[in-house]
Amino acid sequence: MEEGLQERFDEAMERISDDPYGHGSTAIDKETDRREATVAGVVIRYYVSQSVLTVTVVRGVYI
Protein backbone atom coordinates (compact mmCIF):
# COMPACT_ATOMS: atom_id res chain seq x y z
CA MET A 1 0.00 0.00 0.00
CA GLU A 2 1.47 3.37 -0.97
CA GLU A 3 2.48 5.69 1.86
CA GLY A 4 -0.26 8.32 1.38
CA LEU A 5 -2.95 5.67 1.16
CA GLN A 6 -1.56 3.88 4.21
CA GLU A 7 -1.78 7.08 6.26
CA ARG A 8 -5.37 7.81 5.14
CA PHE A 9 -6.35 4.20 5.79
CA ASP A 10 -4.82 4.21 9.28
CA GLU A 11 -6.65 7.45 10.16
CA ALA A 12 -9.94 6.08 8.85
CA MET A 13 -9.45 2.84 10.80
CA GLU A 14 -8.96 4.87 13.98
CA ARG A 15 -12.38 6.46 13.38
CA ILE A 16 -13.93 3.03 12.73
CA SER A 17 -12.40 1.67 15.93
CA ASP A 18 -13.95 4.56 17.90
CA ASP A 19 -17.42 3.78 16.51
CA PRO A 20 -17.47 0.45 14.62
CA TYR A 21 -21.23 0.61 14.03
CA GLY A 22 -21.11 4.09 12.47
CA HIS A 23 -19.19 5.85 9.72
CA GLY A 24 -21.35 4.44 6.94
CA SER A 25 -20.78 0.81 7.86
CA THR A 26 -23.52 -1.70 7.24
CA ALA A 27 -24.38 -5.05 8.78
CA ILE A 28 -23.73 -8.12 6.65
CA ASP A 29 -26.49 -10.74 6.45
CA LYS A 30 -28.38 -9.08 9.33
CA GLU A 31 -25.53 -9.84 11.75
CA THR A 32 -24.96 -6.62 13.69
CA ASP A 33 -21.35 -7.46 14.59
CA ARG A 34 -20.35 -8.48 11.06
CA ARG A 35 -19.78 -5.21 9.17
CA GLU A 36 -18.69 -3.75 5.86
CA ALA A 37 -17.46 -0.21 5.16
CA THR A 38 -15.35 1.77 2.72
CA VAL A 39 -12.47 3.61 4.39
CA ALA A 40 -10.00 5.70 2.38
CA GLY A 41 -11.08 3.94 -0.82
CA VAL A 42 -10.59 0.48 0.67
CA VAL A 43 -13.60 -1.79 1.13
CA ILE A 44 -13.24 -3.67 4.40
CA ARG A 45 -15.21 -6.42 6.06
CA TYR A 46 -14.78 -6.73 9.78
CA TYR A 47 -16.12 -8.25 12.96
CA VAL A 48 -16.82 -6.33 16.14
CA SER A 49 -16.22 -8.05 19.45
CA GLN A 50 -17.63 -5.96 22.27
CA SER A 51 -16.52 -8.35 25.00
CA VAL A 52 -12.83 -7.60 24.31
CA LEU A 53 -13.21 -4.23 22.52
CA THR A 54 -11.71 -5.51 19.28
CA VAL A 55 -12.36 -4.75 15.63
CA THR A 56 -10.85 -7.41 13.34
CA VAL A 57 -10.61 -6.68 9.60
CA VAL A 58 -10.98 -9.93 7.72
CA ARG A 59 -10.80 -8.59 4.17
CA GLY A 60 -9.69 -5.39 2.48
CA VAL A 61 -10.01 -4.56 -1.22
CA TYR A 62 -8.64 -1.32 -2.68
CA ILE A 63 -11.04 0.19 -5.23
PDB file of N, CA and C in Angstrom:
ATOM      1  N   MET A   1       0.855  -1.165   0.000  1.00  0.00           N
ATOM      2  CA  MET A   1       0.000   0.000   0.000  1.00  0.00           C
ATOM      3  C   MET A   1       0.905   1.233   0.000  1.00  0.00           C
ATOM      4  N   GLU A   2       0.635   2.166  -0.904  1.00  0.00           N
ATOM      5  CA  GLU A   2       1.471   3.371  -0.970  1.00  0.00           C
ATOM      6  C   GLU A   2       1.359   4.192   0.314  1.00  0.00           C
ATOM      7  N   GLU A   3       2.378   4.979   0.591  1.00  0.00           N
ATOM      8  CA  GLU A   3       2.480   5.688   1.863  1.00  0.00           C
ATOM      9  C   GLU A   3       1.288   6.602   2.135  1.00  0.00           C
ATOM     10  N   GLY A   4       0.870   7.422   1.180  1.00  0.00           N
ATOM     11  CA  GLY A   4      -0.259   8.322   1.380  1.00  0.00           C
ATOM     12  C   GLY A   4      -1.544   7.571   1.672  1.00  0.00           C
ATOM     13  N   LEU A   5      -1.764   6.490   0.938  1.00  0.00           N
ATOM     14  CA  LEU A   5      -2.954   5.671   1.164  1.00  0.00           C
ATOM     15  C   LEU A   5      -2.887   5.007   2.527  1.00  0.00           C
ATOM     16  N   GLN A   6      -1.730   4.529   2.907  1.00  0.00           N
ATOM     17  CA  GLN A   6      -1.564   3.884   4.208  1.00  0.00           C
ATOM     18  C   GLN A   6      -1.919   4.847   5.337  1.00  0.00           C
ATOM     19  N   GLU A   7      -1.479   6.091   5.228  1.00  0.00           N
ATOM     20  CA  GLU A   7      -1.782   7.083   6.257  1.00  0.00           C
ATOM     21  C   GLU A   7      -3.279   7.368   6.324  1.00  0.00           C
ATOM     22  N   ARG A   8      -3.916   7.560   5.164  1.00  0.00           N
ATOM     23  CA  ARG A   8      -5.373   7.806   5.137  1.00  0.00           C
ATOM     24  C   ARG A   8      -6.139   6.611   5.686  1.00  0.00           C
ATOM     25  N   PHE A   9      -5.698   5.417   5.313  1.00  0.00           N
ATOM     26  CA  PHE A   9      -6.349   4.198   5.786  1.00  0.00           C
ATOM     27  C   PHE A   9      -6.229   4.073   7.304  1.00  0.00           C
ATOM     28  N   ASP A  10      -5.038   4.300   7.827  1.00  0.00           N
ATOM     29  CA  ASP A  10      -4.824   4.212   9.277  1.00  0.00           C
ATOM     30  C   ASP A  10      -5.702   5.206  10.031  1.00  0.00           C
ATOM     31  N   GLU A  11      -5.791   6.441   9.528  1.00  0.00           N
ATOM     32  CA  GLU A  11      -6.646   7.448  10.162  1.00  0.00           C
ATOM     33  C   GLU A  11      -8.116   7.036  10.123  1.00  0.00           C
ATOM     34  N   ALA A  12      -8.548   6.520   8.978  1.00  0.00           N
ATOM     35  CA  ALA A  12      -9.944   6.083   8.852  1.00  0.00           C
ATOM     36  C   ALA A  12     -10.227   4.889   9.763  1.00  0.00           C
ATOM     37  N   MET A  13      -9.260   3.996   9.913  1.00  0.00           N
ATOM     38  CA  MET A  13      -9.455   2.842  10.796  1.00  0.00           C
ATOM     39  C   MET A  13      -9.536   3.276  12.249  1.00  0.00           C
ATOM     40  N   GLU A  14      -8.834   4.342  12.614  1.00  0.00           N
ATOM     41  CA  GLU A  14      -8.960   4.870  13.976  1.00  0.00           C
ATOM     42  C   GLU A  14     -10.389   5.345  14.225  1.00  0.00           C
ATOM     43  N   ARG A  15     -10.993   6.002  13.232  1.00  0.00           N
ATOM     44  CA  ARG A  15     -12.381   6.456  13.376  1.00  0.00           C
ATOM     45  C   ARG A  15     -13.333   5.268  13.477  1.00  0.00           C
ATOM     46  N   ILE A  16     -13.099   4.240  12.664  1.00  0.00           N
ATOM     47  CA  ILE A  16     -13.932   3.034  12.727  1.00  0.00           C
ATOM     48  C   ILE A  16     -13.798   2.387  14.102  1.00  0.00           C
ATOM     49  N   SER A  17     -12.587   2.333  14.633  1.00  0.00           N
ATOM     50  CA  SER A  17     -12.397   1.675  15.929  1.00  0.00           C
ATOM     51  C   SER A  17     -13.085   2.442  17.055  1.00  0.00           C
ATOM     52  N   ASP A  18     -13.229   3.764  16.901  1.00  0.00           N
ATOM     53  CA  ASP A  18     -13.950   4.555  17.899  1.00  0.00           C
ATOM     54  C   ASP A  18     -15.449   4.297  17.865  1.00  0.00           C
ATOM     55  N   ASP A  19     -15.981   4.018  16.674  1.00  0.00           N
ATOM     56  CA  ASP A  19     -17.416   3.777  16.506  1.00  0.00           C
ATOM     57  C   ASP A  19     -17.631   2.758  15.394  1.00  0.00           C
ATOM     58  N   PRO A  20     -17.424   1.465  15.674  1.00  0.00           N
ATOM     59  CA  PRO A  20     -17.465   0.452  14.621  1.00  0.00           C
ATOM     60  C   PRO A  20     -18.838   0.240  13.983  1.00  0.00           C
ATOM     61  N   TYR A  21     -19.888   0.761  14.597  1.00  0.00           N
ATOM     62  CA  TYR A  21     -21.228   0.612  14.033  1.00  0.00           C
ATOM     63  C   TYR A  21     -21.648   1.840  13.230  1.00  0.00           C
ATOM     64  N   GLY A  22     -20.804   2.862  13.198  1.00  0.00           N
ATOM     65  CA  GLY A  22     -21.113   4.092  12.474  1.00  0.00           C
ATOM     66  C   GLY A  22     -20.257   4.245  11.242  1.00  0.00           C
ATOM     67  N   HIS A  23     -20.059   5.499  10.834  1.00  0.00           N
ATOM     68  CA  HIS A  23     -19.193   5.853   9.716  1.00  0.00           C
ATOM     69  C   HIS A  23     -19.585   5.173   8.407  1.00  0.00           C
ATOM     70  N   GLY A  24     -20.873   5.009   8.193  1.00  0.00           N
ATOM     71  CA  GLY A  24     -21.349   4.440   6.936  1.00  0.00           C
ATOM     72  C   GLY A  24     -21.220   2.938   6.832  1.00  0.00           C
ATOM     73  N   SER A  25     -20.880   2.272   7.917  1.00  0.00           N
ATOM     74  CA  SER A  25     -20.776   0.813   7.857  1.00  0.00           C
ATOM     75  C   SER A  25     -22.171   0.197   7.838  1.00  0.00           C
ATOM     76  N   THR A  26     -22.250  -0.988   7.280  1.00  0.00           N
ATOM     77  CA  THR A  26     -23.520  -1.703   7.236  1.00  0.00           C
ATOM     78  C   THR A  26     -23.331  -3.121   7.747  1.00  0.00           C
ATOM     79  N   ALA A  27     -24.404  -3.656   8.322  1.00  0.00           N
ATOM     80  CA  ALA A  27     -24.378  -5.046   8.785  1.00  0.00           C
ATOM     81  C   ALA A  27     -24.395  -5.976   7.579  1.00  0.00           C
ATOM     82  N   ILE A  28     -23.752  -7.107   7.708  1.00  0.00           N
ATOM     83  CA  ILE A  28     -23.730  -8.118   6.650  1.00  0.00           C
ATOM     84  C   ILE A  28     -24.642  -9.260   7.074  1.00  0.00           C
ATOM     85  N   ASP A  29     -25.564  -9.621   6.198  1.00  0.00           N
ATOM     86  CA  ASP A  29     -26.487 -10.735   6.452  1.00  0.00           C
ATOM     87  C   ASP A  29     -27.215 -10.595   7.787  1.00  0.00           C
ATOM     88  N   LYS A  30     -27.604  -9.361   8.119  1.00  0.00           N
ATOM     89  CA  LYS A  30     -28.378  -9.077   9.327  1.00  0.00           C
ATOM     90  C   LYS A  30     -27.645  -9.410  10.625  1.00  0.00           C
ATOM     91  N   GLU A  31     -26.335  -9.607  10.555  1.00  0.00           N
ATOM     92  CA  GLU A  31     -25.527  -9.838  11.749  1.00  0.00           C
ATOM     93  C   GLU A  31     -24.921  -8.499  12.164  1.00  0.00           C
ATOM     94  N   THR A  32     -25.374  -7.950  13.266  1.00  0.00           N
ATOM     95  CA  THR A  32     -24.956  -6.620  13.694  1.00  0.00           C
ATOM     96  C   THR A  32     -23.455  -6.494  13.857  1.00  0.00           C
ATOM     97  N   ASP A  33     -22.788  -7.528  14.329  1.00  0.00           N
ATOM     98  CA  ASP A  33     -21.349  -7.458  14.593  1.00  0.00           C
ATOM     99  C   ASP A  33     -20.479  -7.808  13.389  1.00  0.00           C
ATOM    100  N   ARG A  34     -21.079  -8.205  12.301  1.00  0.00           N
ATOM    101  CA  ARG A  34     -20.347  -8.481  11.059  1.00  0.00           C
ATOM    102  C   ARG A  34     -20.623  -7.299  10.145  1.00  0.00           C
ATOM    103  N   ARG A  35     -19.587  -6.504   9.811  1.00  0.00           N
ATOM    104  CA  ARG A  35     -19.781  -5.214   9.166  1.00  0.00           C
ATOM    105  C   ARG A  35     -18.987  -5.075   7.880  1.00  0.00           C
ATOM    106  N   GLU A  36     -19.412  -4.112   7.067  1.00  0.00           N
ATOM    107  CA  GLU A  36     -18.690  -3.746   5.855  1.00  0.00           C
ATOM    108  C   GLU A  36     -18.691  -2.225   5.758  1.00  0.00           C
ATOM    109  N   ALA A  37     -17.575  -1.658   5.322  1.00  0.00           N
ATOM    110  CA  ALA A  37     -17.458  -0.212   5.159  1.00  0.00           C
ATOM    111  C   ALA A  37     -16.385   0.079   4.118  1.00  0.00           C
ATOM    112  N   THR A  38     -16.416   1.300   3.600  1.00  0.00           N
ATOM    113  CA  THR A  38     -15.354   1.771   2.724  1.00  0.00           C
ATOM    114  C   THR A  38     -14.601   2.849   3.477  1.00  0.00           C
ATOM    115  N   VAL A  39     -13.317   2.642   3.676  1.00  0.00           N
ATOM    116  CA  VAL A  39     -12.474   3.605   4.388  1.00  0.00           C
ATOM    117  C   VAL A  39     -11.277   3.944   3.505  1.00  0.00           C
ATOM    118  N   ALA A  40     -11.116   5.226   3.201  1.00  0.00           N
ATOM    119  CA  ALA A  40      -9.998   5.702   2.380  1.00  0.00           C
ATOM    120  C   ALA A  40      -9.910   4.963   1.048  1.00  0.00           C
ATOM    121  N   GLY A  41     -11.061   4.634   0.467  1.00  0.00           N
ATOM    122  CA  GLY A  41     -11.081   3.938  -0.816  1.00  0.00           C
ATOM    123  C   GLY A  41     -10.831   2.451  -0.727  1.00  0.00           C
ATOM    124  N   VAL A  42     -10.802   1.906   0.466  1.00  0.00           N
ATOM    125  CA  VAL A  42     -10.589   0.476   0.670  1.00  0.00           C
ATOM    126  C   VAL A  42     -11.864  -0.113   1.271  1.00  0.00           C
ATOM    127  N   VAL A  43     -12.431  -1.108   0.593  1.00  0.00           N
ATOM    128  CA  VAL A  43     -13.604  -1.788   1.126  1.00  0.00           C
ATOM    129  C   VAL A  43     -13.114  -2.809   2.135  1.00  0.00           C
ATOM    130  N   ILE A  44     -13.650  -2.729   3.356  1.00  0.00           N
ATOM    131  CA  ILE A  44     -13.238  -3.673   4.398  1.00  0.00           C
ATOM    132  C   ILE A  44     -14.456  -4.422   4.926  1.00  0.00           C
ATOM    133  N   ARG A  45     -14.228  -5.624   5.321  1.00  0.00           N
ATOM    134  CA  ARG A  45     -15.211  -6.418   6.059  1.00  0.00           C
ATOM    135  C   ARG A  45     -14.578  -6.723   7.399  1.00  0.00           C
ATOM    136  N   TYR A  46     -15.365  -6.552   8.458  1.00  0.00           N
ATOM    137  CA  TYR A  46     -14.783  -6.728   9.780  1.00  0.00           C
ATOM    138  C   TYR A  46     -15.811  -7.232  10.771  1.00  0.00           C
ATOM    139  N   TYR A  47     -15.302  -7.776  11.854  1.00  0.00           N
ATOM    140  CA  TYR A  47     -16.121  -8.246  12.962  1.00  0.00           C
ATOM    141  C   TYR A  47     -15.880  -7.344  14.154  1.00  0.00           C
ATOM    142  N   VAL A  48     -16.928  -7.120  14.918  1.00  0.00           N
ATOM    143  CA  VAL A  48     -16.822  -6.328  16.136  1.00  0.00           C
ATOM    144  C   VAL A  48     -17.028  -7.268  17.306  1.00  0.00           C
ATOM    145  N   SER A  49     -16.098  -7.257  18.236  1.00  0.00           N
ATOM    146  CA  SER A  49     -16.223  -8.054  19.454  1.00  0.00           C
ATOM    147  C   SER A  49     -16.279  -7.104  20.634  1.00  0.00           C
ATOM    148  N   GLN A  50     -17.466  -6.896  21.169  1.00  0.00           N
ATOM    149  CA  GLN A  50     -17.632  -5.958  22.271  1.00  0.00           C
ATOM    150  C   GLN A  50     -17.035  -6.483  23.571  1.00  0.00           C
ATOM    151  N   SER A  51     -17.008  -7.785  23.743  1.00  0.00           N
ATOM    152  CA  SER A  51     -16.517  -8.346  25.003  1.00  0.00           C
ATOM    153  C   SER A  51     -15.034  -8.062  25.236  1.00  0.00           C
ATOM    154  N   VAL A  52     -14.255  -7.901  24.159  1.00  0.00           N
ATOM    155  CA  VAL A  52     -12.833  -7.601  24.305  1.00  0.00           C
ATOM    156  C   VAL A  52     -12.441  -6.309  23.601  1.00  0.00           C
ATOM    157  N   LEU A  53     -13.438  -5.512  23.195  1.00  0.00           N
ATOM    158  CA  LEU A  53     -13.212  -4.231  22.524  1.00  0.00           C
ATOM    159  C   LEU A  53     -12.238  -4.364  21.360  1.00  0.00           C
ATOM    160  N   THR A  54     -12.566  -5.244  20.425  1.00  0.00           N
ATOM    161  CA  THR A  54     -11.710  -5.514  19.279  1.00  0.00           C
ATOM    162  C   THR A  54     -12.481  -5.377  17.975  1.00  0.00           C
ATOM    163  N   VAL A  55     -11.846  -4.781  16.991  1.00  0.00           N
ATOM    164  CA  VAL A  55     -12.356  -4.754  15.626  1.00  0.00           C
ATOM    165  C   VAL A  55     -11.341  -5.509  14.785  1.00  0.00           C
ATOM    166  N   THR A  56     -11.756  -6.588  14.132  1.00  0.00           N
ATOM    167  CA  THR A  56     -10.854  -7.408  13.339  1.00  0.00           C
ATOM    168  C   THR A  56     -11.240  -7.318  11.872  1.00  0.00           C
ATOM    169  N   VAL A  57     -10.363  -6.758  11.046  1.00  0.00           N
ATOM    170  CA  VAL A  57     -10.609  -6.680   9.604  1.00  0.00           C
ATOM    171  C   VAL A  57     -10.265  -8.033   9.009  1.00  0.00           C
ATOM    172  N   VAL A  58     -11.218  -8.616   8.301  1.00  0.00           N
ATOM    173  CA  VAL A  58     -10.980  -9.931   7.721  1.00  0.00           C
ATOM    174  C   VAL A  58     -10.732  -9.862   6.214  1.00  0.00           C
ATOM    175  N   ARG A  59     -11.071  -8.730   5.600  1.00  0.00           N
ATOM    176  CA  ARG A  59     -10.802  -8.588   4.173  1.00  0.00           C
ATOM    177  C   ARG A  59     -10.744  -7.117   3.821  1.00  0.00           C
ATOM    178  N   GLY A  60      -9.787  -6.752   2.986  1.00  0.00           N
ATOM    179  CA  GLY A  60      -9.689  -5.388   2.482  1.00  0.00           C
ATOM    180  C   GLY A  60      -9.432  -5.419   0.996  1.00  0.00           C
ATOM    181  N   VAL A  61     -10.168  -4.613   0.218  1.00  0.00           N
ATOM    182  CA  VAL A  61     -10.006  -4.558  -1.223  1.00  0.00           C
ATOM    183  C   VAL A  61      -9.916  -3.088  -1.619  1.00  0.00           C
ATOM    184  N   TYR A  62      -8.802  -2.691  -2.233  1.00  0.00           N
ATOM    185  CA  TYR A  62      -8.635  -1.320  -2.681  1.00  0.00           C
ATOM    186  C   TYR A  62      -9.395  -1.126  -3.989  1.00  0.00           C
ATOM    187  N   ILE A  63     -10.262  -0.067  -4.022  1.00  0.00           N
ATOM    188  CA  ILE A  63     -11.040   0.187  -5.234  1.00  0.00           C
ATOM    189  C   ILE A  63     -10.618   1.459  -5.914  1.00  0.00           C
TER     190      ILE A  63
END
